[in-house]
Amino acid sequence: FRTKSVLVMPLVTSMDERIGVCQLLNKKDGQFNRDDEKLVGAMNAFTALAIQQTRTFKALKDNTQALDALLSSLQTTMDQKASAVMKTPHELKYLLNSASDGAKERVQLLSEASKDRP
């Protein structure tokens, strides 16, 4: 293989970031010229745009997955808290009933004790 002509041009994003190069070797009909540069420049602009959009899409997808995981974790925590709050009225009812039963027993004992007194 023998190199006879070369055209190398950068891939540049709309943010003026260089993300790669395009290299063409051995033009069939002579040397590369200004028209070739314009054509390759236009193709490179679209290629750079496609690469940048792919990177952006991947970043958005990654962020969405991270947010979904966080949301799931928060939902689990909220469900656990809600479950604990829902149990609280039952526990309070039990405690209140126990306290009430104890108070009733004391009142009954006091009542019986007062009957025994002259």
C-alpha atoms as a PDB file:
ATOM      1  CA  PHE A   1       0.000   0.000   0.000  1.00  0.00           C
ATOM      2  CA  ARG A   2       1.337   3.356  -0.994  1.00  0.00           C
ATOM      3  CA  THR A   3      -0.088   6.722   0.129  1.00  0.00           C
ATOM      4  CA  LYS A   4      -0.381   9.168  -2.761  1.00  0.00           C
ATOM      5  CA  SER A   5      -2.679  11.826  -1.281  1.00  0.00           C
ATOM      6  CA  VAL A   6      -4.143  12.594   2.147  1.00  0.00           C
ATOM      7  CA  LEU A   7      -6.961  14.800   3.407  1.00  0.00           C
ATOM      8  CA  VAL A   8      -7.296  15.057   7.192  1.00  0.00           C
ATOM      9  CA  MET A   9      -9.937  17.259   8.811  1.00  0.00           C
ATOM     10  CA  PRO A  10     -11.147  17.598  12.409  1.00  0.00           C
ATOM     11  CA  LEU A  11     -14.555  16.632  13.722  1.00  0.00           C
ATOM     12  CA  VAL A  12     -15.718  19.739  15.598  1.00  0.00           C
ATOM     13  CA  THR A  13     -18.937  20.106  17.607  1.00  0.00           C
ATOM     14  CA  SER A  14     -21.116  23.200  17.625  1.00  0.00           C
ATOM     15  CA  MET A  15     -19.450  24.027  20.965  1.00  0.00           C
ATOM     16  CA  ASP A  16     -16.092  24.126  19.135  1.00  0.00           C
ATOM     17  CA  GLU A  17     -14.927  20.903  20.806  1.00  0.00           C
ATOM     18  CA  ARG A  18     -12.608  18.701  18.750  1.00  0.00           C
ATOM     19  CA  ILE A  19     -13.831  15.122  19.113  1.00  0.00           C
ATOM     20  CA  GLY A  20     -11.977  13.324  16.354  1.00  0.00           C
ATOM     21  CA  VAL A  21     -10.591  13.453  12.851  1.00  0.00           C
ATOM     22  CA  CYS A  22     -11.578  12.211   9.438  1.00  0.00           C
ATOM     23  CA  GLN A  23      -8.774  10.964   7.235  1.00  0.00           C
ATOM     24  CA  LEU A  24      -9.107  10.209   3.549  1.00  0.00           C
ATOM     25  CA  LEU A  25      -6.337   8.540   1.591  1.00  0.00           C
ATOM     26  CA  ASN A  26      -5.540   8.264  -2.110  1.00  0.00           C
ATOM     27  CA  LYS A  27      -8.122  10.131  -4.101  1.00  0.00           C
ATOM     28  CA  LYS A  28      -8.821   8.140  -7.269  1.00  0.00           C
ATOM     29  CA  ASP A  29      -8.663  11.121  -9.608  1.00  0.00           C
ATOM     30  CA  GLY A  30      -5.628  13.173  -8.652  1.00  0.00           C
ATOM     31  CA  GLN A  31      -5.110  15.183  -5.496  1.00  0.00           C
ATOM     32  CA  PHE A  32      -7.636  16.397  -2.908  1.00  0.00           C
ATOM     33  CA  ASN A  33      -8.756  19.981  -3.550  1.00  0.00           C
ATOM     34  CA  ARG A  34     -10.934  22.752  -2.021  1.00  0.00           C
ATOM     35  CA  ASP A  35     -14.165  21.109  -3.205  1.00  0.00           C
ATOM     36  CA  ASP A  36     -13.144  17.897  -1.425  1.00  0.00           C
ATOM     37  CA  GLU A  37     -12.407  19.901   1.738  1.00  0.00           C
ATOM     38  CA  LYS A  38     -15.844  21.563   1.577  1.00  0.00           C
ATOM     39  CA  LEU A  39     -17.591  18.232   1.091  1.00  0.00           C
ATOM     40  CA  VAL A  40     -15.658  16.507   3.872  1.00  0.00           C
ATOM     41  CA  GLY A  41     -16.145  19.567   6.120  1.00  0.00           C
ATOM     42  CA  ALA A  42     -19.940  19.355   5.648  1.00  0.00           C
ATOM     43  CA  MET A  43     -19.930  15.590   6.298  1.00  0.00           C
ATOM     44  CA  ASN A  44     -17.782  16.107   9.384  1.00  0.00           C
ATOM     45  CA  ALA A  45     -20.214  18.695  10.748  1.00  0.00           C
ATOM     46  CA  PHE A  46     -23.074  16.174  10.545  1.00  0.00           C
ATOM     47  CA  THR A  47     -20.878  13.394  11.941  1.00  0.00           C
ATOM     48  CA  ALA A  48     -19.810  15.560  14.893  1.00  0.00           C
ATOM     49  CA  LEU A  49     -23.437  16.506  15.503  1.00  0.00           C
ATOM     50  CA  ALA A  50     -24.477  12.841  15.511  1.00  0.00           C
ATOM     51  CA  ILE A  51     -21.678  11.942  17.941  1.00  0.00           C
ATOM     52  CA  GLN A  52     -22.557  14.854  20.236  1.00  0.00           C
ATOM     53  CA  GLN A  53     -26.263  13.958  20.213  1.00  0.00           C
ATOM     54  CA  THR A  54     -25.433  10.331  20.991  1.00  0.00           C
ATOM     55  CA  ARG A  55     -23.293  11.434  23.939  1.00  0.00           C
ATOM     56  CA  THR A  56     -26.039  13.763  25.164  1.00  0.00           C
ATOM     57  CA  PHE A  57     -28.666  11.040  24.847  1.00  0.00           C
ATOM     58  CA  LYS A  58     -26.485   8.604  26.800  1.00  0.00           C
ATOM     59  CA  ALA A  59     -25.911  11.180  29.544  1.00  0.00           C
ATOM     60  CA  LEU A  60     -29.655  11.844  29.761  1.00  0.00           C
ATOM     61  CA  LYS A  61     -30.369   8.124  29.880  1.00  0.00           C
ATOM     62  CA  ASP A  62     -27.797   7.632  32.653  1.00  0.00           C
ATOM     63  CA  ASN A  63     -29.229  10.568  34.621  1.00  0.00           C
ATOM     64  CA  THR A  64     -32.766   9.249  34.156  1.00  0.00           C
ATOM     65  CA  GLN A  65     -31.733   5.836  35.473  1.00  0.00           C
ATOM     66  CA  ALA A  66     -30.037   7.452  38.475  1.00  0.00           C
ATOM     67  CA  LEU A  67     -33.134   9.558  39.170  1.00  0.00           C
ATOM     68  CA  ASP A  68     -35.377   6.491  38.804  1.00  0.00           C
ATOM     69  CA  ALA A  69     -33.246   4.626  41.350  1.00  0.00           C
ATOM     70  CA  LEU A  70     -33.406   7.596  43.731  1.00  0.00           C
ATOM     71  CA  LEU A  71     -37.171   7.877  43.271  1.00  0.00           C
ATOM     72  CA  SER A  72     -37.582   4.164  43.956  1.00  0.00           C
ATOM     73  CA  SER A  73     -35.488   4.471  47.108  1.00  0.00           C
ATOM     74  CA  LEU A  74     -37.518   7.470  48.274  1.00  0.00           C
ATOM     75  CA  GLN A  75     -40.770   5.645  47.539  1.00  0.00           C
ATOM     76  CA  THR A  76     -39.613   2.656  49.594  1.00  0.00           C
ATOM     77  CA  THR A  77     -38.682   4.959  52.483  1.00  0.00           C
ATOM     78  CA  MET A  78     -42.022   6.758  52.273  1.00  0.00           C
ATOM     79  CA  ASP A  79     -43.880   3.435  52.184  1.00  0.00           C
ATOM     80  CA  GLN A  80     -42.002   2.286  55.283  1.00  0.00           C
ATOM     81  CA  LYS A  81     -42.774   5.550  57.087  1.00  0.00           C
ATOM     82  CA  ALA A  82     -46.430   5.378  56.052  1.00  0.00           C
ATOM     83  CA  SER A  83     -46.610   1.793  57.292  1.00  0.00           C
ATOM     84  CA  ALA A  84     -45.157   2.853  60.640  1.00  0.00           C
ATOM     85  CA  VAL A  85     -47.625   5.741  60.887  1.00  0.00           C
ATOM     86  CA  MET A  86     -50.514   3.436  60.015  1.00  0.00           C
ATOM     87  CA  LYS A  87     -49.469   1.063  62.796  1.00  0.00           C
ATOM     88  CA  THR A  88     -49.289   3.884  65.312  1.00  0.00           C
ATOM     89  CA  PRO A  89     -53.079   4.289  65.795  1.00  0.00           C
ATOM     90  CA  HIS A  90     -53.385   0.579  66.585  1.00  0.00           C
ATOM     91  CA  GLU A  91     -50.540   0.788  69.047  1.00  0.00           C
ATOM     92  CA  LEU A  92     -52.034   3.908  70.603  1.00  0.00           C
ATOM     93  CA  LYS A  93     -55.420   2.211  70.866  1.00  0.00           C
ATOM     94  CA  TYR A  94     -53.785  -0.730  72.641  1.00  0.00           C
ATOM     95  CA  LEU A  95     -51.903   1.574  75.003  1.00  0.00           C
ATOM     96  CA  LEU A  96     -54.994   3.668  75.685  1.00  0.00           C
ATOM     97  CA  ASN A  97     -57.102   0.582  76.266  1.00  0.00           C
ATOM     98  CA  SER A  98     -54.466  -0.810  78.614  1.00  0.00           C
ATOM     99  CA  ALA A  99     -54.300   2.484  80.483  1.00  0.00           C
ATOM    100  CA  SER A 100     -58.086   2.697  80.561  1.00  0.00           C
ATOM    101  CA  ASP A 101     -58.415  -0.861  81.848  1.00  0.00           C
ATOM    102  CA  GLY A 102     -55.847  -0.102  84.529  1.00  0.00           C
ATOM    103  CA  ALA A 103     -57.680   3.065  85.495  1.00  0.00           C
ATOM    104  CA  LYS A 104     -60.985   1.173  85.665  1.00  0.00           C
ATOM    105  CA  GLU A 105     -59.397  -1.404  87.953  1.00  0.00           C
ATOM    106  CA  ARG A 106     -58.065   1.337  90.251  1.00  0.00           C
ATOM    107  CA  VAL A 107     -61.447   3.050  90.335  1.00  0.00           C
ATOM    108  CA  GLN A 108     -63.101  -0.251  91.169  1.00  0.00           C
ATOM    109  CA  LEU A 109     -60.579  -0.945  93.935  1.00  0.00           C
ATOM    110  CA  LEU A 110     -61.050   2.567  95.351  1.00  0.00           C
ATOM    111  CA  SER A 111     -64.780   2.136  95.128  1.00  0.00           C
ATOM    112  CA  GLU A 112     -64.642  -1.177  96.989  1.00  0.00           C
ATOM    113  CA  ALA A 113     -62.246   0.278  99.518  1.00  0.00           C
ATOM    114  CA  SER A 114     -64.568   3.198 100.164  1.00  0.00           C
ATOM    115  CA  LYS A 115     -67.507   0.805 100.701  1.00  0.00           C
ATOM    116  CA  ASP A 116     -65.536  -0.988 103.360  1.00  0.00           C
ATOM    117  CA  ARG A 117     -65.014   2.276 105.250  1.00  0.00           C
ATOM    118  CA  PRO A 118     -67.641   3.403 107.645  1.00  0.00           C
END
